[in-house]
Every structure is written in C-alpha cells, then in structure tokens.
C-alpha cells in the first residue's frame, strides 16, 4: 500500500469519528509519515502512532497561539503487521483513537483498562 492509499484510510477514519470528537479537536494536525525518525522514536520501538503536544486537561490560557499539536500515524510499522486490508483499516482506526485519547488526556494505563491499549 503506497503513501497516498494509506493517507486516504487515515482521512476516512478521521472523518468517521463522532461529531463530539471533531468539535473538541482544536489546534491539532494529523500527519502520516512512512516511519518515525530518531526524534519521534529515539529508542527504535517502531510505534504505530504518536501524539505530540499538550493534552487538553493540562492546557492553560497561555497555550493560545502555540503551534498545533500533532498526531502522527506511521505507514510502514502498520504495513509490517502483515494484516489483510480490512484488518489494517481496523488497526489504523485503533491507532488513531488511541492517539486522540492522549490528546484528551487519557494515558496508556487507562487505555489498557478500557481495552484500547
């Protein structure tokens, strides 16, 4: 699957999120990269996605005017899972929801409890 095809899946998945999620997403970008660089993955763990920013519960009035937060979704780590197309779509959706949850201030421990780990 090439970059454009993967990006289309990410866009479709993002558009399919509930309205309340779209209404709450402010000053955030969703970007697709082939794979994380050493800055985004310093330990070489090969994440499927990554949220970089200040979660909503931690924001203060002084955060206004800052650069947008970013959710990265990484194409090659997803493809390396060797999933069938529909399973890949589901995994992209899970990754996107996981990273959006971080934006809302939900940590990995809580996501594990909720079954999204």
N, C-alpha and C. Protein backbone atom coordinates (compact mmCIF):
# COMPACT_ATOMS: atom_id res chain seq x y z
N UNK A 1 0.85 -1.17 0.00
CA UNK A 1 0.00 0.00 0.00
C UNK A 1 0.90 1.24 0.00
N UNK A 2 0.66 2.11 -0.97
CA UNK A 2 1.50 3.30 -1.05
C UNK A 2 1.03 4.37 -0.07
N UNK A 3 1.81 5.44 0.02
CA UNK A 3 1.55 6.51 0.99
C UNK A 3 0.17 7.14 0.80
N UNK A 4 -0.19 7.43 -0.44
CA UNK A 4 -1.48 8.08 -0.70
C UNK A 4 -2.65 7.19 -0.29
N UNK A 5 -2.56 5.90 -0.55
CA UNK A 5 -3.62 4.97 -0.17
C UNK A 5 -3.76 4.89 1.35
N UNK A 6 -2.63 4.84 2.03
CA UNK A 6 -2.65 4.79 3.49
C UNK A 6 -3.22 6.09 4.06
N UNK A 7 -2.80 7.21 3.50
CA UNK A 7 -3.30 8.50 3.95
C UNK A 7 -4.82 8.61 3.74
N UNK A 8 -5.32 8.04 2.66
CA UNK A 8 -6.77 8.05 2.40
C UNK A 8 -7.51 7.27 3.50
N UNK A 9 -6.95 6.16 3.93
CA UNK A 9 -7.56 5.39 5.02
C UNK A 9 -7.58 6.22 6.29
N UNK A 10 -6.50 6.92 6.57
CA UNK A 10 -6.43 7.76 7.77
C UNK A 10 -7.48 8.86 7.70
N UNK A 11 -7.61 9.51 6.54
CA UNK A 11 -8.61 10.58 6.38
C UNK A 11 -10.02 10.05 6.58
N UNK A 12 -10.32 8.90 5.96
CA UNK A 12 -11.65 8.29 6.10
C UNK A 12 -11.93 7.94 7.56
N UNK A 13 -10.94 7.40 8.23
CA UNK A 13 -11.10 7.04 9.64
C UNK A 13 -11.34 8.28 10.48
N UNK A 14 -10.58 9.32 10.23
CA UNK A 14 -10.74 10.57 10.97
C UNK A 14 -12.12 11.16 10.74
N UNK A 15 -12.58 11.15 9.50
CA UNK A 15 -13.90 11.68 9.18
C UNK A 15 -15.02 10.87 9.84
N UNK A 16 -14.76 9.60 10.11
CA UNK A 16 -15.75 8.73 10.71
C UNK A 16 -15.88 8.84 12.22
N UNK A 17 -15.00 9.64 12.83
CA UNK A 17 -15.10 9.82 14.28
C UNK A 17 -16.37 10.60 14.61
N UNK A 18 -16.92 10.40 15.80
CA UNK A 18 -18.15 11.10 16.18
C UNK A 18 -18.00 12.62 16.14
N UNK A 19 -19.13 13.30 15.93
CA UNK A 19 -19.13 14.77 15.86
C UNK A 19 -18.53 15.41 17.10
N UNK A 20 -18.81 14.85 18.29
CA UNK A 20 -18.31 15.46 19.51
C UNK A 20 -16.78 15.45 19.54
N UNK A 21 -16.16 14.45 18.91
CA UNK A 21 -14.69 14.41 18.85
C UNK A 21 -14.20 15.54 17.94
N UNK A 22 -14.83 15.68 16.78
CA UNK A 22 -14.43 16.75 15.85
C UNK A 22 -14.59 18.12 16.50
N UNK A 23 -15.67 18.30 17.25
CA UNK A 23 -15.92 19.58 17.90
C UNK A 23 -14.89 19.88 18.98
N UNK A 24 -14.31 18.85 19.58
CA UNK A 24 -13.33 19.03 20.65
C UNK A 24 -11.90 19.14 20.15
N UNK A 25 -11.65 18.75 18.91
CA UNK A 25 -10.28 18.80 18.37
C UNK A 25 -9.96 20.22 17.92
N UNK A 26 -9.08 20.87 18.66
CA UNK A 26 -8.68 22.23 18.33
C UNK A 26 -7.15 22.30 18.25
N UNK A 27 -6.68 22.99 17.24
CA UNK A 27 -5.24 23.23 17.08
C UNK A 27 -4.45 21.92 17.08
N UNK A 28 -4.89 20.99 16.25
CA UNK A 28 -4.21 19.69 16.14
C UNK A 28 -4.17 19.27 14.67
N UNK A 29 -3.07 18.68 14.28
CA UNK A 29 -2.88 18.16 12.93
C UNK A 29 -2.72 16.65 13.01
N UNK A 30 -3.20 15.96 12.00
CA UNK A 30 -2.98 14.52 11.88
C UNK A 30 -2.12 14.33 10.64
N UNK A 31 -0.93 13.78 10.85
CA UNK A 31 0.04 13.62 9.76
C UNK A 31 0.42 12.16 9.60
N UNK A 32 0.62 11.76 8.35
CA UNK A 32 1.08 10.42 8.03
C UNK A 32 2.55 10.51 7.63
N UNK A 33 3.37 9.67 8.26
CA UNK A 33 4.78 9.54 7.89
C UNK A 33 5.03 8.07 7.58
N UNK A 34 5.99 7.81 6.72
CA UNK A 34 6.31 6.42 6.41
C UNK A 34 6.79 5.69 7.66
N UNK A 35 7.65 6.33 8.40
CA UNK A 35 8.14 5.75 9.65
C UNK A 35 8.67 6.87 10.52
N UNK A 36 8.71 6.65 11.83
CA UNK A 36 9.20 7.71 12.71
C UNK A 36 10.70 7.90 12.55
N UNK A 37 11.13 9.14 12.68
CA UNK A 37 12.56 9.41 12.68
C UNK A 37 13.11 9.24 14.09
N UNK A 38 14.39 9.45 14.27
CA UNK A 38 15.01 9.23 15.58
C UNK A 38 14.51 10.21 16.64
N UNK A 39 14.00 11.37 16.21
CA UNK A 39 13.43 12.33 17.16
C UNK A 39 12.10 11.82 17.70
N UNK A 40 11.28 11.22 16.85
CA UNK A 40 9.96 10.73 17.26
C UNK A 40 10.02 9.33 17.86
N UNK A 41 11.09 8.61 17.60
CA UNK A 41 11.24 7.24 18.12
C UNK A 41 12.69 7.02 18.54
N UNK A 42 13.13 7.73 19.60
CA UNK A 42 14.55 7.67 19.98
C UNK A 42 15.03 6.29 20.41
N UNK A 43 14.13 5.41 20.85
CA UNK A 43 14.53 4.08 21.32
C UNK A 43 14.33 3.00 20.25
N UNK A 44 13.85 3.40 19.07
CA UNK A 44 13.66 2.44 17.99
C UNK A 44 12.55 1.44 18.24
N UNK A 45 11.52 1.85 18.97
CA UNK A 45 10.42 0.94 19.31
C UNK A 45 9.47 0.68 18.14
N UNK A 46 9.48 1.54 17.12
CA UNK A 46 8.62 1.35 15.97
C UNK A 46 7.14 1.54 16.27
N UNK A 47 6.76 2.68 16.87
CA UNK A 47 5.35 2.88 17.20
C UNK A 47 4.48 2.98 15.95
N UNK A 48 3.21 2.65 16.12
CA UNK A 48 2.24 2.79 15.03
C UNK A 48 1.76 4.22 14.92
N UNK A 49 1.75 4.92 16.05
CA UNK A 49 1.31 6.31 16.09
C UNK A 49 1.93 7.01 17.27
N UNK A 50 1.78 8.33 17.29
CA UNK A 50 2.35 9.13 18.37
C UNK A 50 1.62 10.45 18.46
N UNK A 51 1.27 10.83 19.68
CA UNK A 51 0.69 12.15 19.94
C UNK A 51 1.79 13.03 20.51
N UNK A 52 1.97 14.21 19.93
CA UNK A 52 2.96 15.17 20.41
C UNK A 52 2.23 16.47 20.69
N UNK A 53 2.19 16.86 21.94
CA UNK A 53 1.52 18.11 22.29
C UNK A 53 1.20 18.18 23.76
N UNK A 54 0.33 19.11 24.10
CA UNK A 54 -0.13 19.31 25.47
C UNK A 54 -1.57 18.82 25.54
N UNK A 55 -1.82 17.75 26.30
CA UNK A 55 -3.19 17.23 26.41
C UNK A 55 -4.15 18.30 26.94
N UNK A 56 -5.40 18.21 26.51
CA UNK A 56 -6.41 19.20 26.89
C UNK A 56 -6.45 19.50 28.39
N UNK A 57 -6.45 18.49 29.27
CA UNK A 57 -6.55 18.79 30.69
C UNK A 57 -5.36 19.57 31.25
N UNK A 58 -4.25 19.58 30.54
CA UNK A 58 -3.04 20.26 31.02
C UNK A 58 -2.86 21.64 30.40
N UNK A 59 -3.75 22.04 29.53
CA UNK A 59 -3.61 23.32 28.85
C UNK A 59 -4.01 24.47 29.77
N UNK A 60 -3.35 25.58 29.54
CA UNK A 60 -3.64 26.80 30.28
C UNK A 60 -3.97 27.89 29.28
N UNK A 61 -4.48 28.99 29.77
CA UNK A 61 -4.83 30.12 28.90
C UNK A 61 -3.62 30.58 28.09
N UNK A 62 -2.44 30.44 28.63
CA UNK A 62 -1.23 30.86 27.94
C UNK A 62 -0.84 29.99 26.76
N UNK A 63 -1.54 28.87 26.58
CA UNK A 63 -1.24 27.99 25.45
C UNK A 63 -1.80 28.52 24.14
N UNK A 64 -2.65 29.52 24.19
CA UNK A 64 -3.25 30.06 22.97
C UNK A 64 -2.16 30.61 22.05
N UNK A 65 -2.32 30.39 20.77
CA UNK A 65 -1.37 30.91 19.79
C UNK A 65 -0.16 30.04 19.56
N UNK A 66 -0.08 28.89 20.21
CA UNK A 66 1.06 28.00 20.03
C UNK A 66 0.88 27.16 18.78
N UNK A 67 1.97 26.53 18.36
CA UNK A 67 1.90 25.62 17.22
C UNK A 67 0.92 24.50 17.53
N UNK A 68 0.32 23.91 16.50
CA UNK A 68 -0.65 22.84 16.77
C UNK A 68 0.00 21.59 17.32
N UNK A 69 -0.77 20.85 18.10
CA UNK A 69 -0.37 19.51 18.50
C UNK A 69 -0.39 18.65 17.23
N UNK A 70 0.27 17.50 17.29
CA UNK A 70 0.32 16.63 16.12
C UNK A 70 0.07 15.19 16.54
N UNK A 71 -0.77 14.52 15.76
CA UNK A 71 -0.91 13.07 15.85
C UNK A 71 -0.24 12.52 14.60
N UNK A 72 0.78 11.70 14.81
CA UNK A 72 1.48 11.04 13.71
C UNK A 72 0.96 9.60 13.61
N UNK A 73 0.70 9.18 12.39
CA UNK A 73 0.43 7.78 12.10
C UNK A 73 1.50 7.31 11.14
N UNK A 74 2.11 6.17 11.46
CA UNK A 74 3.26 5.69 10.70
C UNK A 74 2.87 4.51 9.81
N UNK A 75 3.07 4.70 8.50
CA UNK A 75 2.64 3.73 7.50
C UNK A 75 3.41 2.41 7.56
N UNK A 76 4.71 2.46 7.50
CA UNK A 76 5.50 1.21 7.43
C UNK A 76 5.31 0.30 8.64
N UNK A 77 5.32 0.83 9.87
CA UNK A 77 5.04 -0.07 11.01
C UNK A 77 3.66 -0.73 10.91
N UNK A 78 2.67 0.00 10.41
CA UNK A 78 1.36 -0.61 10.21
C UNK A 78 1.44 -1.73 9.17
N UNK A 79 2.11 -1.45 8.05
CA UNK A 79 2.19 -2.45 6.98
C UNK A 79 2.99 -3.67 7.41
N UNK A 80 3.96 -3.46 8.30
CA UNK A 80 4.79 -4.59 8.74
C UNK A 80 4.00 -5.60 9.57
N UNK A 81 2.80 -5.23 10.00
CA UNK A 81 1.95 -6.17 10.73
C UNK A 81 1.41 -7.27 9.82
N UNK A 82 1.45 -7.05 8.50
CA UNK A 82 1.01 -8.06 7.54
C UNK A 82 -0.47 -8.36 7.59
N UNK A 83 -1.26 -7.35 7.87
CA UNK A 83 -2.71 -7.54 8.01
C UNK A 83 -3.42 -7.48 6.66
N UNK A 84 -4.54 -8.17 6.58
CA UNK A 84 -5.41 -8.06 5.41
C UNK A 84 -5.98 -6.63 5.38
N UNK A 85 -6.41 -6.14 4.21
CA UNK A 85 -6.85 -4.75 4.09
C UNK A 85 -7.87 -4.30 5.15
N UNK A 86 -8.90 -5.09 5.41
CA UNK A 86 -9.90 -4.67 6.40
C UNK A 86 -9.34 -4.67 7.82
N UNK A 87 -8.46 -5.63 8.10
CA UNK A 87 -7.80 -5.65 9.41
C UNK A 87 -6.88 -4.45 9.57
N UNK A 88 -6.21 -4.06 8.48
CA UNK A 88 -5.33 -2.89 8.50
C UNK A 88 -6.15 -1.63 8.78
N UNK A 89 -7.30 -1.51 8.12
CA UNK A 89 -8.19 -0.36 8.38
C UNK A 89 -8.58 -0.30 9.86
N UNK A 90 -8.90 -1.45 10.42
CA UNK A 90 -9.28 -1.51 11.83
C UNK A 90 -8.11 -1.12 12.73
N UNK A 91 -6.91 -1.55 12.37
CA UNK A 91 -5.72 -1.20 13.17
C UNK A 91 -5.42 0.29 13.07
N UNK A 92 -5.57 0.87 11.89
CA UNK A 92 -5.38 2.31 11.73
C UNK A 92 -6.39 3.06 12.61
N UNK A 93 -7.64 2.60 12.61
CA UNK A 93 -8.67 3.23 13.44
C UNK A 93 -8.32 3.12 14.92
N UNK A 94 -7.86 1.96 15.35
CA UNK A 94 -7.46 1.77 16.75
C UNK A 94 -6.31 2.71 17.11
N UNK A 95 -5.34 2.82 16.23
CA UNK A 95 -4.20 3.70 16.49
C UNK A 95 -4.65 5.15 16.56
N UNK A 96 -5.50 5.56 15.64
CA UNK A 96 -5.97 6.94 15.64
C UNK A 96 -6.76 7.25 16.91
N UNK A 97 -7.66 6.35 17.31
CA UNK A 97 -8.44 6.56 18.53
C UNK A 97 -7.51 6.62 19.74
N UNK A 98 -6.50 5.76 19.77
CA UNK A 98 -5.53 5.74 20.86
C UNK A 98 -4.83 7.10 20.98
N UNK A 99 -4.39 7.65 19.86
CA UNK A 99 -3.67 8.92 19.90
C UNK A 99 -4.60 10.09 20.20
N UNK A 100 -5.83 10.05 19.69
CA UNK A 100 -6.82 11.08 20.03
C UNK A 100 -7.10 11.04 21.53
N UNK A 101 -7.14 9.84 22.10
CA UNK A 101 -7.36 9.71 23.54
C UNK A 101 -6.24 10.40 24.32
N UNK A 102 -5.01 10.30 23.85
CA UNK A 102 -3.91 11.01 24.51
C UNK A 102 -4.13 12.52 24.46
N UNK A 103 -4.63 13.02 23.34
CA UNK A 103 -4.97 14.44 23.21
C UNK A 103 -5.97 14.84 24.30
N UNK A 104 -6.93 13.95 24.60
CA UNK A 104 -7.94 14.21 25.63
C UNK A 104 -7.40 13.96 27.04
N UNK A 105 -6.13 13.56 27.15
CA UNK A 105 -5.52 13.38 28.46
C UNK A 105 -5.64 11.98 29.03
N UNK A 106 -6.02 11.02 28.22
CA UNK A 106 -6.15 9.64 28.69
C UNK A 106 -4.81 8.94 28.48
N UNK A 107 -4.22 8.42 29.57
CA UNK A 107 -2.90 7.80 29.46
C UNK A 107 -3.00 6.33 29.07
N UNK A 108 -1.84 5.73 28.81
CA UNK A 108 -1.79 4.33 28.34
C UNK A 108 -2.40 3.36 29.35
N UNK A 109 -2.18 3.60 30.63
CA UNK A 109 -2.73 2.71 31.65
C UNK A 109 -4.26 2.68 31.57
N UNK A 110 -4.87 3.85 31.46
CA UNK A 110 -6.32 3.93 31.37
C UNK A 110 -6.82 3.33 30.06
N UNK A 111 -6.09 3.58 28.98
CA UNK A 111 -6.48 2.98 27.69
C UNK A 111 -6.45 1.46 27.76
N UNK A 112 -5.45 0.90 28.46
CA UNK A 112 -5.39 -0.55 28.65
C UNK A 112 -6.62 -1.04 29.41
N UNK A 113 -7.00 -0.30 30.46
CA UNK A 113 -8.19 -0.67 31.23
C UNK A 113 -9.45 -0.66 30.37
N UNK A 114 -9.49 0.28 29.41
CA UNK A 114 -10.65 0.42 28.54
C UNK A 114 -10.61 -0.51 27.33
N UNK A 115 -9.50 -1.25 27.17
CA UNK A 115 -9.35 -2.18 26.07
C UNK A 115 -8.81 -1.55 24.79
N UNK A 116 -8.20 -0.35 24.90
CA UNK A 116 -7.64 0.34 23.73
C UNK A 116 -6.12 0.40 23.78
N UNK A 117 -5.50 -0.41 24.61
CA UNK A 117 -4.06 -0.36 24.79
C UNK A 117 -3.26 -0.92 23.67
